[in-house]
Protein backbone atom coordinates (compact mmCIF):
# COMPACT_ATOMS: atom_id res chain seq x y z
CA MET A 1 20.12 150.24 -39.02
CA GLU A 2 18.36 147.13 -39.84
CA ALA A 3 18.92 144.07 -37.45
CA VAL A 4 19.05 140.73 -38.89
CA LEU A 5 18.26 138.67 -37.14
CA GLU A 6 19.33 135.11 -37.42
CA ARG A 7 17.65 131.81 -37.35
CA PRO A 8 18.70 129.14 -35.33
CA VAL A 9 19.12 125.83 -37.09
CA ALA A 10 18.42 122.62 -35.74
CA VAL A 11 21.50 120.56 -36.19
CA ARG A 12 20.11 116.41 -35.71
CA VAL A 13 23.91 114.38 -34.79
CA ALA A 14 23.48 110.88 -35.33
CA ILE A 15 25.80 108.85 -32.42
CA ILE A 16 26.90 105.70 -34.60
CA ALA A 17 28.00 102.80 -31.38
CA LYS A 18 32.04 101.83 -32.84
CA LYS A 19 31.89 97.93 -32.97
CA PRO A 20 35.14 96.94 -30.35
CA SER A 21 37.94 97.23 -32.72
CA ASP A 22 39.28 94.08 -29.82
CA PRO A 23 37.33 90.38 -30.33
CA MET A 24 37.81 89.92 -26.19
CA GLN A 25 36.08 93.94 -25.98
CA GLU A 26 33.26 92.47 -28.29
CA ILE A 27 32.78 89.58 -26.72
CA ASN A 28 32.51 91.33 -23.51
CA SER A 29 29.74 94.06 -23.79
CA SER A 30 26.27 94.08 -23.36
CA ILE A 31 25.26 93.78 -27.20
CA PHE A 32 27.08 90.48 -27.11
CA LEU A 33 25.83 89.06 -24.01
CA ARG A 34 21.89 89.83 -25.46
CA ASP A 35 22.57 88.48 -29.30
CA LEU A 36 24.20 85.82 -26.67
CA ARG A 37 21.48 84.96 -24.73
CA SER A 38 18.58 85.66 -27.19
CA GLY A 39 17.47 82.98 -30.08
CA ALA A 40 18.71 81.93 -33.50
CA PRO A 41 19.70 82.82 -35.63
CA ALA A 42 21.26 85.74 -33.65
CA ALA A 43 22.44 83.15 -30.19
CA THR A 44 23.75 80.72 -32.47
CA LYS A 45 26.59 83.24 -34.05
CA ALA A 46 27.44 85.17 -31.04
CA PHE A 47 28.33 81.20 -29.48
CA ARG A 48 30.26 80.50 -32.57
CA LYS A 49 32.18 83.78 -32.38
CA LEU A 50 32.34 83.49 -28.70
CA VAL A 51 33.88 79.98 -29.43
CA GLU A 52 35.94 80.99 -32.58
CA THR A 53 37.38 84.02 -30.16
CA ALA A 54 38.22 82.77 -27.36
CA HIS A 55 39.60 79.32 -28.24
CA PRO A 56 43.30 80.02 -29.24
CA GLN A 57 43.27 81.33 -25.54
CA LEU A 58 41.70 78.58 -23.52
CA SER A 59 43.57 75.96 -25.64
CA ARG A 60 47.11 77.79 -24.81
CA TYR A 61 46.51 77.86 -20.85
CA VAL A 62 44.59 74.29 -20.68
CA GLY A 63 47.49 73.11 -23.11
CA ARG A 64 49.71 74.36 -19.79
CA TYR A 65 48.82 71.29 -17.99
CA PHE A 66 48.52 68.47 -20.66
CA ARG A 67 50.48 67.45 -23.24
CA ASP A 68 48.68 65.27 -24.87
CA PRO A 69 46.82 67.62 -27.49
CA ASP A 70 43.46 65.66 -27.70
CA LEU A 71 42.87 65.66 -24.11
CA VAL A 72 43.73 69.78 -24.49
CA GLN A 73 40.97 69.59 -27.47
CA ASP A 74 38.26 67.23 -25.38
CA VAL A 75 38.33 69.57 -21.90
CA LEU A 76 37.89 72.86 -24.35
CA GLN A 77 34.31 71.09 -25.65
CA GLU A 78 33.75 70.45 -21.92
CA THR A 79 34.44 73.94 -20.79
CA PHE A 80 31.91 75.30 -24.42
CA LEU A 81 29.65 73.12 -23.78
CA ALA A 82 29.24 74.15 -19.98
CA VAL A 83 28.65 77.75 -20.71
CA HIS A 84 25.98 76.76 -23.03
CA ARG A 85 24.71 75.06 -20.36
CA ALA A 86 25.41 77.36 -18.06
CA LEU A 87 24.60 80.67 -19.69
CA PRO A 88 20.90 81.73 -18.56
CA ARG A 89 22.22 81.65 -15.13
CA PHE A 90 24.89 83.89 -16.10
CA GLU A 91 24.65 87.59 -14.13
CA GLY A 92 27.01 89.31 -15.61
CA LYS A 93 28.90 91.00 -12.70
CA SER A 94 32.49 90.18 -14.23
CA LYS A 95 32.99 89.76 -17.81
CA LEU A 96 32.23 86.72 -20.14
CA THR A 97 35.45 86.20 -20.60
CA THR A 98 36.33 85.74 -17.31
CA TRP A 99 33.50 83.33 -16.50
CA VAL A 100 34.52 81.25 -19.17
CA TYR A 101 37.32 80.96 -17.91
CA SER A 102 37.08 79.80 -14.26
CA LEU A 103 34.67 77.26 -16.03
CA ALA A 104 38.16 75.87 -17.82
CA TYR A 105 39.75 75.78 -14.28
CA HIS A 106 37.35 73.95 -13.10
CA LYS A 107 37.52 71.43 -16.08
CA VAL A 108 40.90 71.47 -15.62
CA CYS A 109 41.01 70.34 -12.07
CA ASP A 110 38.36 68.03 -12.88
CA ARG A 111 40.74 66.03 -15.54
CA LEU A 112 43.81 65.62 -12.97
CA ALA A 113 41.78 64.46 -10.06
CA GLU A 114 40.49 61.82 -12.93
CA LYS A 115 44.15 61.29 -14.02
CA TYR A 116 46.01 60.91 -10.85
CA ARG A 117 43.29 58.99 -8.85
CA VAL A 118 44.94 55.80 -7.37
CA GLY A 119 45.25 52.90 -10.69
CA TYR A 120 44.93 55.68 -13.58
CA PRO A 121 48.25 55.11 -15.61
CA VAL A 122 50.54 57.94 -15.16
CA SER A 123 52.42 59.33 -17.91
CA GLU A 124 55.09 62.38 -17.70
CA GLU A 125 53.40 66.25 -18.51
CA GLY A 126 54.89 69.17 -19.30
CA GLU A 127 54.58 72.73 -20.31
CA HIS A 128 54.62 73.66 -24.05
CA VAL A 129 57.99 75.96 -24.64
CA TRP A 130 58.02 79.53 -23.19
CA GLU A 131 59.08 81.59 -26.48
CA PRO A 132 61.77 84.77 -25.41
CA GLU A 133 59.74 87.82 -26.48
CA SER A 134 62.80 90.00 -28.24
CA ALA A 135 63.15 91.45 -31.91
CA ASP A 136 66.45 90.14 -33.39
CA PRO A 137 68.40 89.49 -29.57
CA LEU A 138 72.49 88.96 -30.52
CA ALA A 139 73.04 85.23 -30.46
CA ASP A 140 74.72 86.03 -26.74
CA GLU A 141 71.95 87.74 -25.64
CA ALA A 142 69.44 85.02 -27.21
CA LEU A 143 70.94 81.98 -25.55
CA HIS A 144 71.04 83.62 -22.03
CA GLN A 145 67.49 84.67 -22.92
CA SER A 146 66.72 81.05 -23.65
CA ARG A 147 68.42 79.74 -20.46
CA LEU A 148 66.43 82.14 -18.04
CA VAL A 149 63.19 81.08 -19.96
CA LYS A 150 63.99 77.68 -18.86
CA TRP A 151 65.07 78.55 -15.62
CA ILE A 152 61.88 80.16 -15.73
CA ARG A 153 59.56 77.41 -16.42
CA GLU A 154 61.28 74.91 -14.61
CA ALA A 155 60.97 77.39 -11.49
CA ALA A 156 58.06 78.01 -11.81
CA GLU A 157 57.00 74.25 -11.79
CA GLU A 158 58.57 73.45 -8.30
CA ILE A 159 56.28 75.82 -6.86
CA PRO A 160 53.84 75.29 -4.52
CA VAL A 161 50.59 74.95 -6.43
CA LEU A 162 49.17 77.19 -4.46
CA TYR A 163 51.41 80.15 -6.16
CA ARG A 164 51.36 78.64 -9.05
CA GLU A 165 48.14 78.96 -10.02
CA ALA A 166 47.93 82.59 -9.66
CA TYR A 167 51.37 83.54 -11.38
CA ARG A 168 49.67 81.27 -14.51
CA LEU A 169 46.94 83.34 -14.54
CA ARG A 170 48.41 86.67 -13.89
CA ASP A 171 52.20 87.00 -15.75
CA LEU A 172 51.23 84.39 -18.17
CA ASP A 173 47.48 83.82 -19.29
CA GLY A 174 47.33 88.27 -18.40
CA LEU A 175 44.30 88.75 -16.33
CA SER A 176 43.64 91.17 -14.29
CA GLY A 177 44.03 90.46 -10.71
CA GLU A 178 40.26 91.03 -10.52
CA GLU A 179 39.20 88.33 -12.83
CA ALA A 180 42.19 85.71 -11.80
CA ALA A 181 40.62 86.35 -8.63
CA GLU A 182 37.47 85.32 -9.58
CA VAL A 183 38.89 81.99 -11.69
CA LEU A 184 40.11 80.63 -8.12
CA GLY A 185 37.43 82.04 -6.37
CA ILE A 186 39.76 84.28 -3.91
CA SER A 187 39.92 87.76 -3.47
CA ALA A 188 41.78 90.33 -5.49
CA THR A 189 44.19 91.16 -2.40
CA LEU A 190 45.46 87.51 -1.64
CA ILE A 191 45.85 86.96 -5.57
CA ARG A 192 48.40 90.18 -5.24
CA VAL A 193 50.16 88.14 -2.64
CA ARG A 194 50.22 85.02 -3.60
CA LEU A 195 51.18 86.68 -7.00
CA HIS A 196 54.19 88.51 -5.12
CA ARG A 197 55.49 85.44 -3.40
CA ALA A 198 55.14 83.44 -6.47
CA ARG A 199 57.68 85.20 -8.12
CA CYS A 200 59.52 85.36 -5.01
CA LEU A 201 59.85 81.97 -4.36
CA ILE A 202 60.78 82.36 -7.90
CA VAL A 203 63.42 84.64 -8.03
CA GLU A 204 65.21 82.17 -4.83
CA ARG A 205 65.49 79.39 -6.55
CA ILE A 206 66.57 79.90 -9.60
CA GLN A 207 69.28 82.28 -7.76
CA LYS A 208 69.92 78.67 -5.84
CA ARG A 209 70.92 76.75 -8.77
CA TYR A 210 72.16 79.49 -11.14
CA PRO A 211 74.13 82.45 -8.79
CA ASP A 212 74.92 84.30 -12.09
CA ALA A 213 71.58 83.57 -13.63
CA PHE A 214 70.37 87.87 -12.84
CA ALA A 215 74.05 88.72 -14.25
CA GLU A 216 72.83 90.93 -17.13
CA GLY A 217 69.27 91.34 -15.53
CA ILE A 218 65.64 90.19 -15.45
CA SER A 219 62.49 91.58 -14.69
CA LEU A 220 59.28 89.04 -13.48
């Protein structure tokens, strides 16, 4: 029998890096950071992308502190200006979005300190209304849900700021424990402790004022 020798066929496989479908994932990539730090026009394009992607979420975050939309935009502009100036010092040890959040947090603190200094005119502050996440609840369920949202909102505003910040960053803005810890400059363990305490305080306040509030169940 004649032996048939098969010649090995070299197959070259091209591996193409897929572009992240999530815009937030894209701006947290090492490729995006490289573009952001490069010269124009790549850096200009990347920075514009960063602003466009982060602006809506940051706007909601800052808007929880200030009712005036012009003031919110001022804080956002100050934040992105700080981002632009501090980029050369950003080491990439954390997510870019987490770092931007921490700068926004410090700008908010600066504005609050200015707003409540002696002699500055103080106006009533409030947060945007939280919209209940429900597909199509029945009328009575929607009413009960809207009341719970209102009560949670009121109770969250009354707990000490120490716990309120952890609650806002984790439960409202969706940051991870590590990200929230970096924003506030504390450990992830301490964030978990403060978040747990914040949730307990909120529930205690609602139960004290509205004993039947949790009759239909609620999870914070």
